[in-house]
Amino acid sequence: MLYTRLRKSPYFWKSRACGAASYSVYNHTYHPRHYGDPVGEYWALLDGVTIWDVGVERQLEISGPDAFDFTNMLVPRDLTKCDVGKCKYVFITAPDGGIINDPVLLRLEQNRFWLSLADSDVGLWAMGLAHAGGWNVHIAEADVAPLQVQGPRSKEVLHDLFGDAVLDVPYYGLHEFTVDGMRVVVSRTGYSGEIGYELYLRDASRDAERLWDAVWQAGQPYDMRPIGPCHMRRIEAGMLAYGCDITLGTNPLEVGYDYRWMVDLDQEADFIGKAALAQARADGVSRLMVGMEISGEPLGTYNDGSMIEPFEVYDGAGPPVGRVTSACRSPRLERNIGLAMVPVGLSELGTTLQVRTPTGVREGTVVEKPFIDPRKETPKR
């Protein structure tokens, strides 16, 4: 595979032809941010079906005799609880417990995994660990590129493409299909909080445009719309974005993913960061990520916390005590909402703080998150 400093997704020209209006760079790859109407895209996701170019999610394949033990060491979840044909949302942690990445892990075979990567360079990290530890594994970026099909009518589109069997794919399960000679791993996952699927195309460098056309054609009877990552919806769902909500400087306990789920400190196996996270659990963390409502005029479709003037949080006079990491105006709640990292002592529901925005200081109130569908029943339907 040819590498350049800035790459194009295998679907780049197809998504561009659909009117991509703005790009960000994600995993060193151009990523369509929206198609000119983020609010319209939000409603299309909620009411119909959407297609997303997420070829930027590189698939790091780990295979070989030691693949299970190595991958189990790489992540804090206990992968003995992840059968072949299942997916897991996982963190990859550093020795100090910081978050290096938060991919979806797909277990394709007993000793073959894909890590569908968020925006950071995990491949070199994994290769270095494997070399230093003498692990008998093969680590490489697979020629695989995902598309997301998300929204309440996504089941109908997938059924028309793949037949009855796709309806049997469970939430966070996967199954391999063939359509028009193209091999596609379909998972019931997505970054939307809605019913949805991810289509992981094998041989993507050859077949990506054909798959896009097949999905697009199947979606036309259902008014399929191309969209970018819908941050308004993912913030409503309390879903994290790497690089703003979580970074190498945050650990899973601080962002509310405790040891009973995403971090299994009671498993027999060791993993990188286990000792540090066990100590953090024993000591207690000093800050927590909370949901926050922010008063005032609409904040727009997405503020990612990395602006020249970040949304700093204050508790009266004095220096900032925290920051808002993601914020937006929720179209259906008709309120400004966001995720914020604040001291534990200021994390109780109902706590009132001040938030500095580019248009002035506003009141911020700690509220429950996720803001909508707290039990995540919608994507499981």
Protein backbone atom coordinates (compact mmCIF):
# COMPACT_ATOMS: atom_id res chain seq x y z
CA MET A 1 0.00 0.00 0.00
CA LEU A 2 1.31 3.44 -0.95
CA TYR A 3 1.70 5.81 2.01
CA THR A 4 1.76 9.58 1.69
CA ARG A 5 1.81 12.28 4.33
CA LEU A 6 -1.87 13.00 3.68
CA ARG A 7 -3.92 10.17 2.24
CA LYS A 8 -7.29 9.86 0.60
CA SER A 9 -9.89 7.39 1.77
CA PRO A 10 -10.66 4.68 -0.80
CA TYR A 11 -14.11 6.31 -0.98
CA PHE A 12 -12.70 9.85 -1.34
CA TRP A 13 -13.84 10.55 -4.89
CA LYS A 14 -17.28 9.04 -4.32
CA SER A 15 -17.97 11.08 -1.19
CA ARG A 16 -16.56 14.17 -2.90
CA ALA A 17 -18.91 13.67 -5.83
CA CYS A 18 -21.77 13.66 -3.32
CA GLY A 19 -20.86 17.21 -2.27
CA ALA A 20 -18.48 16.99 0.67
CA ALA A 21 -18.14 20.63 1.73
CA SER A 22 -15.55 20.54 4.50
CA TYR A 23 -12.72 18.22 5.48
CA SER A 24 -10.70 17.48 8.56
CA VAL A 25 -7.61 15.27 8.73
CA TYR A 26 -8.03 12.02 10.66
CA ASN A 27 -5.43 9.28 10.79
CA HIS A 28 -3.40 11.30 8.27
CA THR A 29 -6.34 11.01 5.86
CA TYR A 30 -8.82 13.54 4.47
CA HIS A 31 -12.16 13.03 6.20
CA PRO A 32 -15.44 14.61 5.04
CA ARG A 33 -16.72 16.67 7.96
CA HIS A 34 -20.09 17.61 6.46
CA TYR A 35 -21.91 18.13 3.17
CA GLY A 36 -23.05 21.72 3.65
CA ASP A 37 -25.94 21.26 6.07
CA PRO A 38 -24.94 19.59 9.36
CA VAL A 39 -28.38 20.13 10.92
CA GLY A 40 -30.10 18.57 7.92
CA GLU A 41 -27.67 15.65 8.14
CA TYR A 42 -28.59 15.27 11.82
CA TRP A 43 -32.29 14.92 11.01
CA ALA A 44 -31.55 12.53 8.15
CA LEU A 45 -29.67 10.32 10.61
CA LEU A 46 -32.56 10.38 13.09
CA ASP A 47 -35.38 9.90 10.59
CA GLY A 48 -34.01 7.94 7.63
CA VAL A 49 -30.72 6.39 6.54
CA THR A 50 -27.27 7.83 5.93
CA ILE A 51 -23.97 6.75 4.39
CA TRP A 52 -20.64 7.87 5.90
CA ASP A 53 -17.21 7.67 4.36
CA VAL A 54 -15.21 6.32 7.31
CA GLY A 55 -12.36 4.86 5.30
CA VAL A 56 -10.14 6.96 7.57
CA GLU A 57 -10.64 4.31 10.25
CA ARG A 58 -7.54 2.28 9.51
CA GLN A 59 -7.82 -1.42 10.26
CA LEU A 60 -4.82 -2.65 12.21
CA GLU A 61 -4.71 -6.42 11.82
CA ILE A 62 -3.05 -8.52 14.52
CA SER A 63 -2.59 -12.19 13.64
CA GLY A 64 -0.30 -15.11 14.37
CA PRO A 65 0.16 -17.71 17.13
CA ASP A 66 0.40 -15.10 19.92
CA ALA A 67 -2.29 -12.78 18.57
CA PHE A 68 -4.82 -13.39 21.33
CA ASP A 69 -2.39 -13.03 24.22
CA PHE A 70 -0.76 -9.98 22.66
CA THR A 71 -4.05 -8.20 21.95
CA ASN A 72 -5.33 -9.08 25.43
CA MET A 73 -2.20 -7.41 26.82
CA LEU A 74 -2.80 -4.34 24.64
CA VAL A 75 -6.30 -3.53 25.97
CA PRO A 76 -7.84 -3.39 29.47
CA ARG A 77 -10.93 -5.45 28.58
CA ASP A 78 -10.82 -9.19 29.22
CA LEU A 79 -10.87 -10.66 25.71
CA THR A 80 -11.64 -14.15 26.99
CA LYS A 81 -15.16 -12.66 27.07
CA CYS A 82 -15.02 -11.75 23.37
CA ASP A 83 -15.92 -14.73 21.17
CA VAL A 84 -15.03 -15.06 17.50
CA GLY A 85 -17.63 -13.11 15.54
CA LYS A 86 -18.00 -10.41 18.19
CA CYS A 87 -16.88 -6.80 18.50
CA LYS A 88 -15.89 -4.77 21.55
CA TYR A 89 -15.33 -1.09 22.15
CA VAL A 90 -11.92 -0.94 23.81
CA PHE A 91 -9.29 1.43 25.07
CA ILE A 92 -5.61 1.01 24.34
CA THR A 93 -3.77 2.28 27.40
CA ALA A 94 -0.26 3.50 28.14
CA PRO A 95 1.82 2.35 31.13
CA ASP A 96 0.51 5.31 33.16
CA GLY A 97 -3.11 4.46 32.25
CA GLY A 98 -3.47 7.23 29.66
CA ILE A 99 -5.61 6.51 26.62
CA ILE A 100 -3.68 5.95 23.40
CA ASN A 101 -6.71 5.06 21.27
CA ASP A 102 -10.31 3.88 21.58
CA PRO A 103 -10.98 1.55 18.65
CA VAL A 104 -13.68 -0.97 18.00
CA LEU A 105 -12.08 -4.40 18.15
CA LEU A 106 -13.35 -7.11 15.81
CA ARG A 107 -12.47 -10.74 16.54
CA LEU A 108 -12.49 -12.45 13.15
CA GLU A 109 -10.77 -15.70 14.13
CA GLN A 110 -9.26 -17.24 17.23
CA ASN A 111 -5.98 -15.45 16.53
CA ARG A 112 -6.98 -12.70 14.12
CA PHE A 113 -8.19 -9.26 15.22
CA TRP A 114 -8.90 -5.93 13.59
CA LEU A 115 -8.61 -2.71 15.53
CA SER A 116 -10.73 -0.05 13.83
CA LEU A 117 -8.64 2.89 14.90
CA ALA A 118 -9.51 6.33 16.14
CA ASP A 119 -7.19 9.23 15.36
CA SER A 120 -3.75 8.25 16.65
CA ASP A 121 -0.79 6.16 15.50
CA VAL A 122 -1.28 2.79 17.15
CA GLY A 123 0.43 0.69 14.51
CA LEU A 124 3.94 1.74 15.46
CA TRP A 125 3.11 1.38 19.16
CA ALA A 126 1.90 -2.18 18.64
CA MET A 127 4.84 -3.11 16.42
CA GLY A 128 7.30 -1.77 18.98
CA LEU A 129 5.66 -3.72 21.80
CA ALA A 130 5.63 -6.91 19.74
CA HIS A 131 9.30 -6.57 18.83
CA ALA A 132 10.45 -5.68 22.34
CA GLY A 133 8.42 -8.49 23.90
CA GLY A 134 9.34 -11.16 21.40
CA TRP A 135 5.70 -11.83 20.50
CA ASN A 136 5.03 -14.17 17.59
CA VAL A 137 2.52 -11.92 15.83
CA HIS A 138 2.10 -10.20 12.51
CA ILE A 139 0.94 -6.57 12.68
CA ALA A 140 -0.03 -4.65 9.56
CA GLU A 141 -2.67 -2.32 8.18
CA ALA A 142 -5.19 -4.44 6.32
CA ASP A 143 -6.49 -3.45 2.88
CA VAL A 144 -9.88 -2.85 4.47
CA ALA A 145 -12.02 0.28 4.54
CA PRO A 146 -15.33 0.69 6.39
CA LEU A 147 -18.48 2.50 5.36
CA GLN A 148 -21.12 3.32 7.93
CA VAL A 149 -24.81 2.94 7.13
CA GLN A 150 -26.68 4.52 10.02
CA GLY A 151 -30.25 5.47 10.85
CA PRO A 152 -33.61 3.75 11.48
CA ARG A 153 -33.94 2.58 7.87
CA SER A 154 -30.45 1.08 7.71
CA LYS A 155 -31.83 -2.41 8.31
CA GLU A 156 -33.95 -2.16 5.18
CA VAL A 157 -30.98 -1.05 3.08
CA LEU A 158 -28.76 -3.82 4.43
CA HIS A 159 -31.50 -6.39 3.91
CA ASP A 160 -31.82 -5.39 0.26
CA LEU A 161 -28.05 -5.73 -0.13
CA PHE A 162 -27.29 -8.89 1.82
CA GLY A 163 -30.58 -10.71 2.38
CA ASP A 164 -32.29 -12.12 5.47
CA ALA A 165 -29.07 -13.23 7.18
CA VAL A 166 -27.96 -9.67 7.89
CA LEU A 167 -30.95 -9.21 10.19
CA ASP A 168 -29.49 -11.91 12.45
CA VAL A 169 -26.28 -9.96 13.11
CA PRO A 170 -26.61 -8.97 16.79
CA TYR A 171 -25.59 -5.68 18.36
CA TYR A 172 -21.77 -5.69 18.45
CA GLY A 173 -21.71 -8.84 16.39
CA LEU A 174 -20.23 -9.37 12.92
CA HIS A 175 -20.72 -11.62 9.93
CA GLU A 176 -19.01 -11.90 6.55
CA PHE A 177 -21.01 -11.52 3.34
CA THR A 178 -20.29 -11.47 -0.37
CA VAL A 179 -22.09 -9.06 -2.69
CA ASP A 180 -21.28 -8.90 -6.42
CA GLY A 181 -17.97 -10.65 -5.73
CA MET A 182 -16.97 -8.21 -2.97
CA ARG A 183 -16.16 -9.57 0.49
CA VAL A 184 -17.64 -7.45 3.26
CA VAL A 185 -17.54 -7.92 7.03
CA VAL A 186 -20.74 -6.38 8.40
CA SER A 187 -20.96 -5.37 12.07
CA ARG A 188 -23.83 -3.92 14.10
CA THR A 189 -21.75 -0.99 15.32
CA GLY A 190 -21.45 2.72 14.60
CA TYR A 191 -20.70 6.19 15.88
CA SER A 192 -24.21 7.56 16.01
CA GLY A 193 -26.29 6.21 18.89
CA GLU A 194 -28.79 5.08 16.24
CA ILE A 195 -29.52 1.75 14.56
CA GLY A 196 -26.60 1.18 12.25
CA TYR A 197 -24.01 -0.99 10.60
CA GLU A 198 -20.39 -0.76 9.54
CA LEU A 199 -19.36 -2.42 6.29
CA TYR A 200 -15.69 -3.41 6.32
CA LEU A 201 -14.71 -3.98 2.72
CA ARG A 202 -11.83 -6.36 2.03
CA ASP A 203 -9.62 -5.51 -0.96
CA ALA A 204 -10.71 -1.92 -0.53
CA SER A 205 -8.02 -0.50 -2.79
CA ARG A 206 -9.67 -2.42 -5.64
CA ASP A 207 -13.39 -2.48 -4.81
CA ALA A 208 -14.20 0.64 -2.78
CA GLU A 209 -15.97 2.57 -5.51
CA ARG A 210 -18.02 -0.48 -6.48
CA LEU A 211 -19.16 -0.98 -2.92
CA TRP A 212 -20.09 2.69 -2.53
CA ASP A 213 -22.19 2.47 -5.70
CA ALA A 214 -23.91 -0.71 -4.51
CA VAL A 215 -24.80 0.78 -1.12
CA TRP A 216 -25.88 4.07 -2.68
CA GLN A 217 -28.14 2.31 -5.16
CA ALA A 218 -29.69 0.18 -2.41
CA GLY A 219 -30.30 3.31 -0.37
CA GLN A 220 -32.13 5.34 -3.00
CA PRO A 221 -35.61 3.91 -2.28
CA TYR A 222 -35.10 5.05 1.32
CA ASP A 223 -33.79 8.56 0.53
CA MET A 224 -30.27 7.77 1.68
CA ARG A 225 -28.17 10.85 2.41
CA PRO A 226 -24.38 11.21 2.71
CA ILE A 227 -23.26 12.79 5.97
CA GLY A 228 -20.13 13.42 7.99
CA PRO A 229 -19.58 12.42 11.64
CA CYS A 230 -22.69 13.75 13.39
CA HIS A 231 -21.18 15.22 16.53
CA MET A 232 -24.51 16.63 17.69
CA ARG A 233 -25.90 13.11 17.88
CA ARG A 234 -22.82 11.50 19.39
CA ILE A 235 -22.65 14.21 22.10
CA GLU A 236 -26.32 13.55 22.89
CA ALA A 237 -25.33 9.89 23.27
CA GLY A 238 -22.34 10.72 25.48
CA MET A 239 -19.94 9.14 22.98
CA LEU A 240 -16.31 10.21 23.23
CA ALA A 241 -14.08 11.66 20.53
CA TYR A 242 -10.36 10.95 20.64
CA GLY A 243 -8.26 14.09 20.64
CA CYS A 244 -10.73 16.24 22.57
CA ASP A 245 -12.76 14.23 25.12
CA ILE A 246 -10.04 11.65 25.60
CA THR A 247 -6.30 11.89 25.03
CA LEU A 248 -3.06 10.40 26.28
CA GLY A 249 -3.50 12.72 29.26
CA THR A 250 -6.80 11.17 30.40
CA ASN A 251 -7.45 7.73 31.81
CA PRO A 252 -10.58 5.55 31.52
CA LEU A 253 -11.64 6.05 35.14
CA GLU A 254 -11.74 9.83 34.72
CA VAL A 255 -14.09 9.62 31.76
CA GLY A 256 -16.52 7.30 33.52
CA TYR A 257 -15.49 3.92 32.09
CA ASP A 258 -14.73 2.07 35.27
CA TYR A 259 -13.03 -1.25 35.99
CA ARG A 260 -16.28 -3.22 35.93
CA TRP A 261 -16.67 -2.79 32.17
CA MET A 262 -13.99 -1.22 30.01
CA VAL A 263 -11.17 -1.78 32.50
CA ASP A 264 -11.18 -5.27 33.99
CA LEU A 265 -8.70 -5.03 36.84
CA ASP A 266 -9.86 -8.37 38.25
CA GLN A 267 -8.88 -10.45 35.23
CA GLU A 268 -5.96 -12.82 35.68
CA ALA A 269 -4.04 -11.53 32.67
CA ASP A 270 -1.85 -8.47 32.84
CA PHE A 271 -2.30 -5.55 30.47
CA ILE A 272 -0.40 -2.34 29.84
CA GLY A 273 -1.43 0.24 32.39
CA LYS A 274 -3.01 -2.26 34.79
CA ALA A 275 -0.88 -1.32 37.80
CA ALA A 276 -1.41 2.41 37.23
CA LEU A 277 -5.18 2.03 36.85
CA ALA A 278 -5.39 -0.21 39.91
CA GLN A 279 -3.60 2.51 41.87
CA ALA A 280 -5.95 5.14 40.44
CA ARG A 281 -8.93 3.07 41.54
CA ALA A 282 -7.49 2.69 45.03
CA ASP A 283 -6.61 6.39 45.36
CA GLY A 284 -9.67 7.75 43.61
CA VAL A 285 -9.46 10.12 40.65
CA SER A 286 -9.34 13.87 41.14
CA ARG A 287 -11.51 14.81 38.15
CA LEU A 288 -14.46 13.40 36.21
CA MET A 289 -16.11 13.91 32.86
CA VAL A 290 -19.68 15.17 33.27
CA GLY A 291 -22.57 16.22 31.12
CA MET A 292 -23.16 19.95 31.03
CA GLU A 293 -25.89 22.26 29.82
CA ILE A 294 -24.63 25.68 28.78
CA SER A 295 -26.90 28.70 28.78
CA GLY A 296 -27.26 31.36 26.11
CA GLU A 297 -27.48 31.55 22.36
CA PRO A 298 -26.84 28.45 20.22
CA LEU A 299 -23.23 27.25 20.22
CA GLY A 300 -23.47 25.79 16.73
CA THR A 301 -23.14 22.26 15.46
CA TYR A 302 -19.82 21.36 17.05
CA ASN A 303 -17.11 22.86 19.23
CA ASP A 304 -14.39 20.31 19.86
CA GLY A 305 -12.48 21.87 22.75
CA SER A 306 -9.38 22.54 20.67
CA MET A 307 -10.22 26.08 19.64
CA ILE A 308 -7.73 28.93 20.04
CA GLU A 309 -9.87 29.97 23.01
CA PRO A 310 -11.01 26.70 24.62
CA PHE A 311 -14.21 26.58 26.66
CA GLU A 312 -12.64 26.86 30.11
CA VAL A 313 -14.73 26.16 33.20
CA TYR A 314 -14.61 28.33 36.34
CA ASP A 315 -16.00 28.09 39.84
CA GLY A 316 -16.30 31.75 40.71
CA ALA A 317 -13.20 33.92 40.80
CA GLY A 318 -9.78 32.42 40.26
CA PRO A 319 -8.13 30.26 37.62
CA PRO A 320 -10.04 27.74 35.47
CA VAL A 321 -10.91 24.47 37.18
CA GLY A 322 -11.73 22.47 34.06
CA ARG A 323 -12.79 22.67 30.45
CA VAL A 324 -15.59 21.71 28.11
CA THR A 325 -14.19 19.10 25.72
CA SER A 326 -17.11 18.88 23.25
CA ALA A 327 -20.18 21.07 22.90
CA CYS A 328 -23.01 21.76 20.47
CA ARG A 329 -26.59 22.93 20.17
CA SER A 330 -28.86 19.89 20.28
CA PRO A 331 -31.56 20.45 17.64
CA ARG A 332 -34.20 18.32 19.35
CA LEU A 333 -33.41 19.27 22.94
CA GLU A 334 -33.09 22.90 21.84
CA ARG A 335 -30.33 23.37 24.41
CA ASN A 336 -26.56 23.76 24.38
CA ILE A 337 -25.02 20.56 25.69
CA GLY A 338 -21.50 19.30 26.14
CA LEU A 339 -19.02 17.06 27.90
CA ALA A 340 -16.73 18.68 30.45
CA MET A 341 -13.83 17.58 32.63
CA VAL A 342 -14.20 19.04 36.13
CA PRO A 343 -12.86 18.34 39.64
CA VAL A 344 -14.64 15.51 41.44
CA GLY A 345 -15.88 17.98 44.05
CA LEU A 346 -17.73 19.89 41.33
CA SER A 347 -19.20 16.86 39.53
CA GLU A 348 -22.48 16.51 41.44
CA LEU A 349 -25.66 16.88 39.41
CA GLY A 350 -27.01 20.40 39.59
CA THR A 351 -23.65 22.05 40.28
CA THR A 352 -23.55 25.48 38.65
CA LEU A 353 -20.29 26.69 37.10
CA GLN A 354 -19.18 29.31 34.61
CA VAL A 355 -18.05 28.55 31.08
CA ARG A 356 -15.97 30.97 29.06
CA THR A 357 -16.95 30.89 25.38
CA PRO A 358 -15.76 33.05 22.47
CA THR A 359 -18.93 35.12 22.92
CA GLY A 360 -18.63 35.59 26.66
CA VAL A 361 -19.07 33.83 29.98
CA ARG A 362 -22.14 31.62 30.34
CA GLU A 363 -23.67 29.48 33.05
CA GLY A 364 -22.94 25.77 32.94
CA THR A 365 -24.94 23.20 34.91
CA VAL A 366 -23.82 19.63 35.56
CA VAL A 367 -26.49 17.22 34.26
CA GLU A 368 -26.83 13.52 33.58
CA LYS A 369 -25.21 11.99 30.51
CA PRO A 370 -25.97 10.55 28.06
CA PHE A 371 -28.44 13.33 27.36
CA ILE A 372 -30.70 11.07 25.27
CA ASP A 373 -31.34 7.30 25.47
CA PRO A 374 -29.14 6.71 28.55
CA ARG A 375 -29.55 2.93 28.34
CA LYS A 376 -28.60 2.90 24.63
CA GLU A 377 -31.72 0.97 23.67
CA THR A 378 -32.05 2.64 20.25
CA PRO A 379 -29.05 1.03 18.48
CA LYS A 380 -30.02 -2.40 19.85
CA ARG A 381 -33.45 -2.45 18.19
